[in-house]
């Protein structure tokens, strides 16, 4: 599972393929920073595959809505600020 405040952005590479950029944390909780002081990001690909025996029209409909659904959930759950530590360490 992923904490929504650790998701930096979600990019649509092509229909049915999302690239989620996650903020990387140290083992003890704080964010890792790059040389410029920005949070380090890790790419996490999400691919939507067709279910066995799924109608092709239904799959194409799901695939076209994939990015919108993830973006809506991300925008609803995104926090205003990063917590100083991961909640698994709180």
C-alpha atoms as a PDB file:
ATOM      1  CA  UNK A   1       0.000   0.000   0.000  1.00  0.00           C
ATOM      2  CA  UNK A   2       1.010   3.611  -0.522  1.00  0.00           C
ATOM      3  CA  UNK A   3       0.306   6.706   1.545  1.00  0.00           C
ATOM      4  CA  UNK A   4      -1.267   9.359  -0.687  1.00  0.00           C
ATOM      5  CA  UNK A   5       0.924  12.130   0.779  1.00  0.00           C
ATOM      6  CA  UNK A   6       3.961  10.196  -0.513  1.00  0.00           C
ATOM      7  CA  UNK A   7       2.640  10.339  -4.107  1.00  0.00           C
ATOM      8  CA  UNK A   8       4.173  13.327  -5.893  1.00  0.00           C
ATOM      9  CA  UNK A   9       2.312  13.061  -9.207  1.00  0.00           C
ATOM     10  CA  UNK A  10       0.605  10.638 -11.590  1.00  0.00           C
ATOM     11  CA  UNK A  11       1.450  10.762 -15.308  1.00  0.00           C
ATOM     12  CA  UNK A  12      -0.437   9.050 -18.119  1.00  0.00           C
ATOM     13  CA  UNK A  13       2.153   7.474 -20.422  1.00  0.00           C
ATOM     14  CA  UNK A  14      -0.445   5.866 -22.695  1.00  0.00           C
ATOM     15  CA  UNK A  15      -3.955   4.534 -22.274  1.00  0.00           C
ATOM     16  CA  UNK A  16      -3.897   1.845 -19.576  1.00  0.00           C
ATOM     17  CA  UNK A  17      -0.359   2.704 -18.383  1.00  0.00           C
ATOM     18  CA  UNK A  18       0.266   5.137 -15.515  1.00  0.00           C
ATOM     19  CA  UNK A  19       3.568   6.220 -14.049  1.00  0.00           C
ATOM     20  CA  UNK A  20       3.257   7.137 -10.363  1.00  0.00           C
ATOM     21  CA  UNK A  21       6.090   9.149  -8.800  1.00  0.00           C
ATOM     22  CA  UNK A  22       6.572   8.279  -5.112  1.00  0.00           C
ATOM     23  CA  UNK A  23       8.609  10.236  -2.579  1.00  0.00           C
ATOM     24  CA  UNK A  24      11.350   8.012  -1.133  1.00  0.00           C
ATOM     25  CA  UNK A  25      11.736   7.819   2.654  1.00  0.00           C
ATOM     26  CA  UNK A  26      14.635   6.738   4.861  1.00  0.00           C
ATOM     27  CA  UNK A  27      14.189   3.568   6.939  1.00  0.00           C
ATOM     28  CA  UNK A  28      13.562   5.669  10.054  1.00  0.00           C
ATOM     29  CA  UNK A  29      10.880   7.794   8.336  1.00  0.00           C
ATOM     30  CA  UNK A  30      12.088  11.172   6.984  1.00  0.00           C
ATOM     31  CA  UNK A  31      12.129  11.964   3.259  1.00  0.00           C
ATOM     32  CA  UNK A  32      15.321  11.376   1.288  1.00  0.00           C
ATOM     33  CA  UNK A  33      16.487  14.514  -0.522  1.00  0.00           C
ATOM     34  CA  UNK A  34      18.431  14.887  -3.748  1.00  0.00           C
ATOM     35  CA  UNK A  35      21.402  17.251  -4.144  1.00  0.00           C
ATOM     36  CA  UNK A  36      19.110  20.252  -4.732  1.00  0.00           C
ATOM     37  CA  UNK A  37      17.060  19.702  -1.562  1.00  0.00           C
ATOM     38  CA  UNK A  38      14.017  18.291  -3.368  1.00  0.00           C
ATOM     39  CA  UNK A  39      12.463  14.960  -2.349  1.00  0.00           C
ATOM     40  CA  UNK A  40      13.906  11.944  -4.173  1.00  0.00           C
ATOM     41  CA  UNK A  41      11.321  10.296  -6.418  1.00  0.00           C
ATOM     42  CA  UNK A  42      10.863   6.675  -7.433  1.00  0.00           C
ATOM     43  CA  UNK A  43       8.878   5.692 -10.535  1.00  0.00           C
ATOM     44  CA  UNK A  44       6.169   3.086 -10.025  1.00  0.00           C
ATOM     45  CA  UNK A  45       4.436   1.802 -13.187  1.00  0.00           C
ATOM     46  CA  UNK A  46       0.784   0.749 -13.041  1.00  0.00           C
ATOM     47  CA  UNK A  47      -0.517  -1.262 -15.986  1.00  0.00           C
ATOM     48  CA  UNK A  48      -4.160  -2.150 -16.557  1.00  0.00           C
ATOM     49  CA  UNK A  49      -4.594  -5.600 -18.132  1.00  0.00           C
ATOM     50  CA  UNK A  50      -7.693  -7.199 -19.562  1.00  0.00           C
ATOM     51  CA  UNK A  51      -9.465  -9.699 -17.287  1.00  0.00           C
ATOM     52  CA  UNK A  52     -10.006 -13.246 -18.485  1.00  0.00           C
ATOM     53  CA  UNK A  53     -13.289 -13.529 -20.434  1.00  0.00           C
ATOM     54  CA  UNK A  54     -13.844  -9.733 -20.207  1.00  0.00           C
ATOM     55  CA  UNK A  55     -15.741  -8.120 -23.053  1.00  0.00           C
ATOM     56  CA  UNK A  56     -13.404  -6.026 -25.218  1.00  0.00           C
ATOM     57  CA  UNK A  57     -15.742  -3.012 -25.116  1.00  0.00           C
ATOM     58  CA  UNK A  58     -15.871  -3.090 -21.317  1.00  0.00           C
ATOM     59  CA  UNK A  59     -12.083  -3.313 -21.092  1.00  0.00           C
ATOM     60  CA  UNK A  60     -11.629  -0.326 -23.421  1.00  0.00           C
ATOM     61  CA  UNK A  61     -14.059   1.671 -21.275  1.00  0.00           C
ATOM     62  CA  UNK A  62     -12.134   0.758 -18.091  1.00  0.00           C
ATOM     63  CA  UNK A  63      -8.823   1.554 -19.770  1.00  0.00           C
ATOM     64  CA  UNK A  64      -9.983   5.010 -20.896  1.00  0.00           C
ATOM     65  CA  UNK A  65     -11.219   5.869 -17.360  1.00  0.00           C
ATOM     66  CA  UNK A  66      -8.106   4.493 -15.588  1.00  0.00           C
ATOM     67  CA  UNK A  67      -6.169   7.799 -15.375  1.00  0.00           C
ATOM     68  CA  UNK A  68      -9.223   9.878 -14.397  1.00  0.00           C
ATOM     69  CA  UNK A  69     -10.149   7.523 -11.550  1.00  0.00           C
ATOM     70  CA  UNK A  70      -6.610   7.536 -10.131  1.00  0.00           C
ATOM     71  CA  UNK A  71      -6.280  11.317 -10.535  1.00  0.00           C
ATOM     72  CA  UNK A  72      -9.599  11.942  -8.760  1.00  0.00           C
ATOM     73  CA  UNK A  73      -8.647   9.683  -5.833  1.00  0.00           C
ATOM     74  CA  UNK A  74      -5.193  11.307  -5.661  1.00  0.00           C
ATOM     75  CA  UNK A  75      -6.638  14.846  -5.609  1.00  0.00           C
ATOM     76  CA  UNK A  76      -9.187  13.934  -2.904  1.00  0.00           C
ATOM     77  CA  UNK A  77      -6.665  12.268  -0.584  1.00  0.00           C
ATOM     78  CA  UNK A  78      -3.537  14.380  -1.158  1.00  0.00           C
ATOM     79  CA  UNK A  79      -2.478  16.198   1.994  1.00  0.00           C
ATOM     80  CA  UNK A  80      -1.311  19.804   2.082  1.00  0.00           C
ATOM     81  CA  UNK A  81       2.040  18.996   3.650  1.00  0.00           C
ATOM     82  CA  UNK A  82       4.369  16.064   4.159  1.00  0.00           C
ATOM     83  CA  UNK A  83       4.450  14.618   7.668  1.00  0.00           C
ATOM     84  CA  UNK A  84       7.949  14.722   9.161  1.00  0.00           C
ATOM     85  CA  UNK A  85       8.043  10.933   9.400  1.00  0.00           C
ATOM     86  CA  UNK A  86       6.278   7.921   7.976  1.00  0.00           C
ATOM     87  CA  UNK A  87       3.202   6.899   9.971  1.00  0.00           C
ATOM     88  CA  UNK A  88       4.610   3.383  10.229  1.00  0.00           C
ATOM     89  CA  UNK A  89       7.212   4.921  12.557  1.00  0.00           C
ATOM     90  CA  UNK A  90       4.831   7.142  14.555  1.00  0.00           C
END
